[in-house]
Amino acid sequence: MDNINREYIDTYIQSLIKYEDEKLEKFRQDCLERNLPIIHKEVGQFIKLVINRLEARSIIEVGTNVGYSSIFMVNAMKPGGRVVTLERSEKFYDEALKNIKSFGLEEQIQVHLGDAVENLDNIAGTFDMAFIDAAKSYYRTFFDKCCRMMKPGGMILSDNVLYQGMIATDDLVVRRKKTLVRNMRNYLEYISNDDRFITSVLPLGDGLAVTLIK
């Protein structure tokens, strides 16, 4: 997985984060060994801080993968919290269900199979927080759909928004990523300049945008 900071900085920051769940840490290590795109350790710590500050009881997630972030977020919530998450890959969807079951969290994590662009419109209820970590070119679409589901004062976290540094400088952009870079830059300008939101883009992991819905 690619970080945008110098390796020694990331290593030091990660060394300050204590493990609270041995099984979850083993799951994280297994995902890293398989090169699965899970949340960076320092991003996870920030998400935990936001969940606790918001006293979040409900989270909508776009991009389940194998379920690590869903399980991590439920663990960070008080008892009774729930995560609704969407995954378009049937392979990852099936694996996520198995992993969620192994942690005994079937009642707290609901996984929807299918394209989030379409399926987000079918999700009922309101949420305290949203976490977006899926197809980068569709972040604006994901954001707008999640925004309509946010409770007053809710927050939307968008992961990997600096994308290996390409979003910040043309010097790093490779040809096959030009459309992704253009779409992500437009997305960051949108959430940073719209008066309905307050956004801070943080150099954590591969870039994390934190947006407060006024």
Foldseek 3Di string as FASTA:
>chain_A
DAAQDDPVVLVVLLVVDDDDDPVLVVVVVVCVVVVHPDDRSNVLVVLLVVCVVLLWQEEEEEACQQNSSQVSNVVSHDPNGAYEYEHADPVSQVNNVVVCVVVVCPVRYHYHYHDCLPCLVVDDAATQEYEYDDDQLCPQSNVVSNLVRYDAFHKYKYPLLCPNVCLVDVVPDDPVCVSSSVSSVVSVCVQVPDPQWHWDWDSDGNIMIMITGD
